[in-house]
Amino acid sequence: MYARILGFAAIAVCLAIPVFAAVALSDAAGSYTISPAASSIRFSIGKAGGGGLDGAFARFKGSIRIDNSDVGRSRVNITIFPESVGTGQSRVDAFLRSDAVFDAANNPEIQFRSTSVKRIGDTTALITGRLTARGKTFPEKFTAELGGLKSGRIRFHVTGKVLRSRYGMDVGTPIYSNVVNFDMTLTGKRS
């Protein structure tokens, strides 16, 4: 009886260990081009009393370079095109593209350029960089977790919080939160 319970426990532990945990940094080293078709950049903004705003960007591009000898020299570059913002509500989308928020006509790109990458776990890293939106640049931090490596493709789940007031996009506060929560899946193809 105890042997059977221990056997089930051992199987459960094996199933709980992610397959990607065994990926060696040397296997993941290289340069990758982010594939927008296999990636997503989603965001949410809370609202007083509940609810809020959820959306995504349909157009973006970027690259990931993982340095085998020094993970700190790895790089992430992402460019988002704010005119591609979508919330499922055309009126809200038009407002977000307007000069009240993204000012997409005069600021067609939002850019993130990493300045450091620090490994904080077997499959996670803290990425620090400079985010530029509406002509303003500030340091921001995101957490990236390796989600898989297969056939020359790598996938990361990236999360982070950005204060929109820093970039002159604080319209609607305090009813809408100043904090934008990012939830991204970035899939790169080895180049």
C-alpha atoms as a PDB file:
ATOM      1  CA  MET A   1       0.000   0.000   0.000  1.00  0.00           C
ATOM      2  CA  TYR A   2       2.737   2.479   0.999  1.00  0.00           C
ATOM      3  CA  ALA A   3       4.785   1.479  -2.045  1.00  0.00           C
ATOM      4  CA  ARG A   4       1.804   2.211  -4.293  1.00  0.00           C
ATOM      5  CA  ILE A   5       1.264   5.653  -2.666  1.00  0.00           C
ATOM      6  CA  LEU A   6       4.977   6.461  -2.982  1.00  0.00           C
ATOM      7  CA  GLY A   7       4.903   5.307  -6.603  1.00  0.00           C
ATOM      8  CA  PHE A   8       1.964   7.603  -7.390  1.00  0.00           C
ATOM      9  CA  ALA A   9       3.701  10.451  -5.572  1.00  0.00           C
ATOM     10  CA  ALA A  10       6.888   9.917  -7.614  1.00  0.00           C
ATOM     11  CA  ILE A  11       4.906   9.937 -10.875  1.00  0.00           C
ATOM     12  CA  ALA A  12       3.072  13.108  -9.812  1.00  0.00           C
ATOM     13  CA  VAL A  13       6.389  14.832  -9.030  1.00  0.00           C
ATOM     14  CA  CYS A  14       7.814  13.826 -12.415  1.00  0.00           C
ATOM     15  CA  LEU A  15       4.731  15.143 -14.202  1.00  0.00           C
ATOM     16  CA  ALA A  16       4.912  18.421 -12.283  1.00  0.00           C
ATOM     17  CA  ILE A  17       8.491  19.139 -13.421  1.00  0.00           C
ATOM     18  CA  PRO A  18       8.273  21.178 -16.598  1.00  0.00           C
ATOM     19  CA  VAL A  19       9.935  19.621 -19.607  1.00  0.00           C
ATOM     20  CA  PHE A  20      11.653  22.901 -20.457  1.00  0.00           C
ATOM     21  CA  ALA A  21      13.450  22.955 -17.075  1.00  0.00           C
ATOM     22  CA  ALA A  22      16.005  20.607 -18.614  1.00  0.00           C
ATOM     23  CA  VAL A  23      16.874  23.091 -21.386  1.00  0.00           C
ATOM     24  CA  ALA A  24      20.508  24.099 -21.104  1.00  0.00           C
ATOM     25  CA  LEU A  25      21.427  27.710 -21.764  1.00  0.00           C
ATOM     26  CA  SER A  26      23.787  26.505 -24.477  1.00  0.00           C
ATOM     27  CA  ASP A  27      20.804  24.911 -26.273  1.00  0.00           C
ATOM     28  CA  ALA A  28      18.872  28.180 -26.184  1.00  0.00           C
ATOM     29  CA  ALA A  29      21.813  30.429 -27.106  1.00  0.00           C
ATOM     30  CA  GLY A  30      21.470  32.341 -30.339  1.00  0.00           C
ATOM     31  CA  SER A  31      19.487  35.046 -32.079  1.00  0.00           C
ATOM     32  CA  TYR A  32      15.740  34.858 -32.619  1.00  0.00           C
ATOM     33  CA  THR A  33      13.251  36.936 -34.567  1.00  0.00           C
ATOM     34  CA  ILE A  34       9.907  37.335 -32.786  1.00  0.00           C
ATOM     35  CA  SER A  35       7.084  35.813 -34.810  1.00  0.00           C
ATOM     36  CA  PRO A  36       3.962  38.009 -34.417  1.00  0.00           C
ATOM     37  CA  ALA A  37       1.735  35.198 -35.748  1.00  0.00           C
ATOM     38  CA  ALA A  38       2.795  32.948 -32.850  1.00  0.00           C
ATOM     39  CA  SER A  39       3.038  35.720 -30.222  1.00  0.00           C
ATOM     40  CA  SER A  40       0.722  38.085 -28.367  1.00  0.00           C
ATOM     41  CA  ILE A  41       1.072  41.340 -26.447  1.00  0.00           C
ATOM     42  CA  ARG A  42      -1.930  41.818 -24.166  1.00  0.00           C
ATOM     43  CA  PHE A  43      -2.615  44.451 -21.517  1.00  0.00           C
ATOM     44  CA  SER A  44      -5.185  45.269 -18.863  1.00  0.00           C
ATOM     45  CA  ILE A  45      -6.021  48.365 -16.833  1.00  0.00           C
ATOM     46  CA  GLY A  46      -8.176  48.105 -13.712  1.00  0.00           C
ATOM     47  CA  LYS A  47     -11.130  50.349 -12.981  1.00  0.00           C
ATOM     48  CA  ALA A  48     -12.446  51.622  -9.636  1.00  0.00           C
ATOM     49  CA  GLY A  49     -15.419  49.516  -8.633  1.00  0.00           C
ATOM     50  CA  GLY A  50     -14.354  46.578 -10.814  1.00  0.00           C
ATOM     51  CA  GLY A  51     -14.054  45.826 -14.468  1.00  0.00           C
ATOM     52  CA  GLY A  52     -11.550  47.745 -16.486  1.00  0.00           C
ATOM     53  CA  LEU A  53     -10.046  47.620 -19.916  1.00  0.00           C
ATOM     54  CA  ASP A  54      -8.445  44.651 -21.691  1.00  0.00           C
ATOM     55  CA  GLY A  55      -6.717  44.889 -25.030  1.00  0.00           C
ATOM     56  CA  ALA A  56      -3.912  43.730 -27.279  1.00  0.00           C
ATOM     57  CA  PHE A  57      -1.613  44.973 -30.004  1.00  0.00           C
ATOM     58  CA  ALA A  58      -1.933  43.260 -33.377  1.00  0.00           C
ATOM     59  CA  ARG A  59       1.299  44.626 -34.880  1.00  0.00           C
ATOM     60  CA  PHE A  60       4.747  44.393 -33.333  1.00  0.00           C
ATOM     61  CA  LYS A  61       8.212  43.124 -34.156  1.00  0.00           C
ATOM     62  CA  GLY A  62      11.345  42.306 -32.268  1.00  0.00           C
ATOM     63  CA  SER A  63      14.361  40.192 -31.589  1.00  0.00           C
ATOM     64  CA  ILE A  64      15.846  38.158 -28.762  1.00  0.00           C
ATOM     65  CA  ARG A  65      19.525  37.312 -28.429  1.00  0.00           C
ATOM     66  CA  ILE A  66      20.593  34.845 -25.752  1.00  0.00           C
ATOM     67  CA  ASP A  67      24.293  34.918 -24.900  1.00  0.00           C
ATOM     68  CA  ASN A  68      25.613  31.484 -23.950  1.00  0.00           C
ATOM     69  CA  SER A  69      28.681  32.666 -22.032  1.00  0.00           C
ATOM     70  CA  ASP A  70      27.039  35.537 -20.120  1.00  0.00           C
ATOM     71  CA  VAL A  71      23.239  35.699 -19.822  1.00  0.00           C
ATOM     72  CA  GLY A  72      23.638  39.327 -18.680  1.00  0.00           C
ATOM     73  CA  ARG A  73      24.747  40.239 -22.207  1.00  0.00           C
ATOM     74  CA  SER A  74      21.555  38.840 -23.711  1.00  0.00           C
ATOM     75  CA  ARG A  75      19.273  41.365 -25.428  1.00  0.00           C
ATOM     76  CA  VAL A  76      15.577  41.915 -26.108  1.00  0.00           C
ATOM     77  CA  ASN A  77      14.250  44.536 -28.529  1.00  0.00           C
ATOM     78  CA  ILE A  78      10.548  45.024 -29.199  1.00  0.00           C
ATOM     79  CA  THR A  79       8.711  47.609 -31.287  1.00  0.00           C
ATOM     80  CA  ILE A  80       4.924  47.943 -30.895  1.00  0.00           C
ATOM     81  CA  PHE A  81       2.762  49.842 -33.373  1.00  0.00           C
ATOM     82  CA  PRO A  82       0.061  51.551 -31.251  1.00  0.00           C
ATOM     83  CA  GLU A  83      -2.318  52.085 -34.196  1.00  0.00           C
ATOM     84  CA  SER A  84      -2.875  48.304 -33.993  1.00  0.00           C
ATOM     85  CA  VAL A  85      -4.401  48.470 -30.499  1.00  0.00           C
ATOM     86  CA  GLY A  86      -7.614  46.512 -30.151  1.00  0.00           C
ATOM     87  CA  THR A  87     -10.102  46.156 -27.317  1.00  0.00           C
ATOM     88  CA  GLY A  88     -13.084  44.826 -29.221  1.00  0.00           C
ATOM     89  CA  GLN A  89     -14.750  48.253 -28.963  1.00  0.00           C
ATOM     90  CA  SER A  90     -14.129  50.509 -31.968  1.00  0.00           C
ATOM     91  CA  ARG A  91     -14.904  53.716 -30.073  1.00  0.00           C
ATOM     92  CA  VAL A  92     -12.427  52.831 -27.314  1.00  0.00           C
ATOM     93  CA  ASP A  93      -9.809  51.814 -29.905  1.00  0.00           C
ATOM     94  CA  ALA A  94     -10.142  55.179 -31.666  1.00  0.00           C
ATOM     95  CA  PHE A  95      -9.782  56.977 -28.312  1.00  0.00           C
ATOM     96  CA  LEU A  96      -6.640  54.982 -27.427  1.00  0.00           C
ATOM     97  CA  ARG A  97      -5.080  55.839 -30.811  1.00  0.00           C
ATOM     98  CA  SER A  98      -5.917  59.549 -30.375  1.00  0.00           C
ATOM     99  CA  ASP A  99      -3.637  62.229 -28.945  1.00  0.00           C
ATOM    100  CA  ALA A 100      -5.311  61.692 -25.546  1.00  0.00           C
ATOM    101  CA  VAL A 101      -3.491  58.386 -25.122  1.00  0.00           C
ATOM    102  CA  PHE A 102      -1.018  56.895 -27.672  1.00  0.00           C
ATOM    103  CA  ASP A 103      -1.065  59.780 -30.167  1.00  0.00           C
ATOM    104  CA  ALA A 104      -0.352  57.116 -32.803  1.00  0.00           C
ATOM    105  CA  ALA A 105      -0.367  59.653 -35.672  1.00  0.00           C
ATOM    106  CA  ASN A 106       2.631  61.505 -34.197  1.00  0.00           C
ATOM    107  CA  ASN A 107       4.178  58.608 -32.257  1.00  0.00           C
ATOM    108  CA  PRO A 108       3.839  55.536 -34.492  1.00  0.00           C
ATOM    109  CA  GLU A 109       6.096  53.295 -32.376  1.00  0.00           C
ATOM    110  CA  ILE A 110       6.532  52.203 -28.784  1.00  0.00           C
ATOM    111  CA  GLN A 111       9.990  50.734 -28.234  1.00  0.00           C
ATOM    112  CA  PHE A 112      11.556  48.590 -25.543  1.00  0.00           C
ATOM    113  CA  ARG A 113      15.330  48.026 -25.573  1.00  0.00           C
ATOM    114  CA  SER A 114      16.818  45.890 -22.832  1.00  0.00           C
ATOM    115  CA  THR A 115      19.818  47.150 -20.893  1.00  0.00           C
ATOM    116  CA  SER A 116      20.332  44.081 -18.697  1.00  0.00           C
ATOM    117  CA  VAL A 117      19.111  40.532 -18.284  1.00  0.00           C
ATOM    118  CA  LYS A 118      19.505  38.823 -14.918  1.00  0.00           C
ATOM    119  CA  ARG A 119      18.719  35.169 -14.385  1.00  0.00           C
ATOM    120  CA  ILE A 120      16.500  34.817 -11.288  1.00  0.00           C
ATOM    121  CA  GLY A 121      15.620  31.110 -11.548  1.00  0.00           C
ATOM    122  CA  ASP A 122      16.196  28.009 -13.628  1.00  0.00           C
ATOM    123  CA  THR A 123      13.808  29.229 -16.315  1.00  0.00           C
ATOM    124  CA  THR A 124      13.183  32.877 -15.394  1.00  0.00           C
ATOM    125  CA  ALA A 125      14.972  36.171 -15.922  1.00  0.00           C
ATOM    126  CA  LEU A 126      14.447  39.800 -14.956  1.00  0.00           C
ATOM    127  CA  ILE A 127      14.756  42.017 -18.027  1.00  0.00           C
ATOM    128  CA  THR A 128      15.484  45.684 -17.400  1.00  0.00           C
ATOM    129  CA  GLY A 129      15.391  48.166 -20.223  1.00  0.00           C
ATOM    130  CA  ARG A 130      14.282  51.500 -21.592  1.00  0.00           C
ATOM    131  CA  LEU A 131      10.699  51.922 -22.753  1.00  0.00           C
ATOM    132  CA  THR A 132       9.975  54.830 -25.097  1.00  0.00           C
ATOM    133  CA  ALA A 133       6.406  55.992 -25.746  1.00  0.00           C
ATOM    134  CA  ARG A 134       5.124  59.421 -26.812  1.00  0.00           C
ATOM    135  CA  GLY A 135       8.713  60.731 -26.878  1.00  0.00           C
ATOM    136  CA  LYS A 136       9.335  59.884 -23.220  1.00  0.00           C
ATOM    137  CA  THR A 137      11.813  57.204 -22.100  1.00  0.00           C
ATOM    138  CA  PHE A 138      11.942  55.523 -18.692  1.00  0.00           C
ATOM    139  CA  PRO A 139      13.495  52.361 -17.243  1.00  0.00           C
ATOM    140  CA  GLU A 140      11.070  49.433 -16.921  1.00  0.00           C
ATOM    141  CA  LYS A 141      11.341  45.832 -15.716  1.00  0.00           C
ATOM    142  CA  PHE A 142       9.692  42.664 -16.992  1.00  0.00           C
ATOM    143  CA  THR A 143       9.885  39.042 -15.874  1.00  0.00           C
ATOM    144  CA  ALA A 144      10.374  36.429 -18.581  1.00  0.00           C
ATOM    145  CA  GLU A 145       9.823  32.713 -18.123  1.00  0.00           C
ATOM    146  CA  LEU A 146      11.063  30.206 -20.658  1.00  0.00           C
ATOM    147  CA  GLY A 147       8.014  28.364 -21.983  1.00  0.00           C
ATOM    148  CA  GLY A 148       9.668  26.035 -24.453  1.00  0.00           C
ATOM    149  CA  LEU A 149      12.433  25.372 -26.938  1.00  0.00           C
ATOM    150  CA  LYS A 150      11.753  23.135 -29.904  1.00  0.00           C
ATOM    151  CA  SER A 151      12.903  22.915 -33.526  1.00  0.00           C
ATOM    152  CA  GLY A 152      14.654  26.294 -33.567  1.00  0.00           C
ATOM    153  CA  ARG A 153      11.763  28.098 -31.869  1.00  0.00           C
ATOM    154  CA  ILE A 154      11.791  29.545 -28.378  1.00  0.00           C
ATOM    155  CA  ARG A 155       8.813  30.767 -26.344  1.00  0.00           C
ATOM    156  CA  PHE A 156       8.696  33.094 -23.351  1.00  0.00           C
ATOM    157  CA  HIS A 157       5.875  34.255 -21.103  1.00  0.00           C
ATOM    158  CA  VAL A 158       6.612  37.873 -20.153  1.00  0.00           C
ATOM    159  CA  THR A 159       4.807  39.952 -17.524  1.00  0.00           C
ATOM    160  CA  GLY A 160       5.268  43.421 -16.122  1.00  0.00           C
ATOM    161  CA  LYS A 161       3.618  46.593 -14.878  1.00  0.00           C
ATOM    162  CA  VAL A 162       4.050  50.069 -16.348  1.00  0.00           C
ATOM    163  CA  LEU A 163       2.820  53.403 -14.950  1.00  0.00           C
ATOM    164  CA  ARG A 164       1.055  55.141 -17.824  1.00  0.00           C
ATOM    165  CA  SER A 165       1.356  58.603 -16.213  1.00  0.00           C
ATOM    166  CA  ARG A 166       5.117  58.576 -16.916  1.00  0.00           C
ATOM    167  CA  TYR A 167       4.354  58.621 -20.628  1.00  0.00           C
ATOM    168  CA  GLY A 168       1.614  61.265 -20.545  1.00  0.00           C
ATOM    169  CA  MET A 169      -1.189  58.713 -20.912  1.00  0.00           C
ATOM    170  CA  ASP A 170      -2.900  59.175 -17.550  1.00  0.00           C
ATOM    171  CA  VAL A 171      -6.266  60.298 -18.904  1.00  0.00           C
ATOM    172  CA  GLY A 172      -9.098  58.816 -16.832  1.00  0.00           C
ATOM    173  CA  THR A 173      -7.167  58.425 -13.572  1.00  0.00           C
ATOM    174  CA  PRO A 174      -8.117  57.764 -10.818  1.00  0.00           C
ATOM    175  CA  ILE A 175     -11.229  56.028 -12.188  1.00  0.00           C
ATOM    176  CA  TYR A 176      -8.948  53.900 -14.363  1.00  0.00           C
ATOM    177  CA  SER A 177      -5.776  52.628 -12.733  1.00  0.00           C
ATOM    178  CA  ASN A 178      -2.457  54.259 -13.518  1.00  0.00           C
ATOM    179  CA  VAL A 179      -0.959  50.740 -13.722  1.00  0.00           C
ATOM    180  CA  VAL A 180      -0.943  48.869 -17.029  1.00  0.00           C
ATOM    181  CA  ASN A 181      -0.476  45.116 -16.602  1.00  0.00           C
ATOM    182  CA  PHE A 182       1.291  43.464 -19.529  1.00  0.00           C
ATOM    183  CA  ASP A 183       0.935  39.769 -20.315  1.00  0.00           C
ATOM    184  CA  MET A 184       2.926  38.659 -23.355  1.00  0.00           C
ATOM    185  CA  THR A 185       3.725  35.424 -25.104  1.00  0.00           C
ATOM    186  CA  LEU A 186       6.755  35.899 -27.315  1.00  0.00           C
ATOM    187  CA  THR A 187       7.751  33.164 -29.746  1.00  0.00           C
ATOM    188  CA  GLY A 188      11.027  33.562 -31.587  1.00  0.00           C
ATOM    189  CA  LYS A 189      12.417  31.694 -34.563  1.00  0.00           C
ATOM    190  CA  ARG A 190      16.173  31.129 -34.624  1.00  0.00           C
ATOM    191  CA  SER A 191      17.748  33.376 -37.245  1.00  0.00           C
END
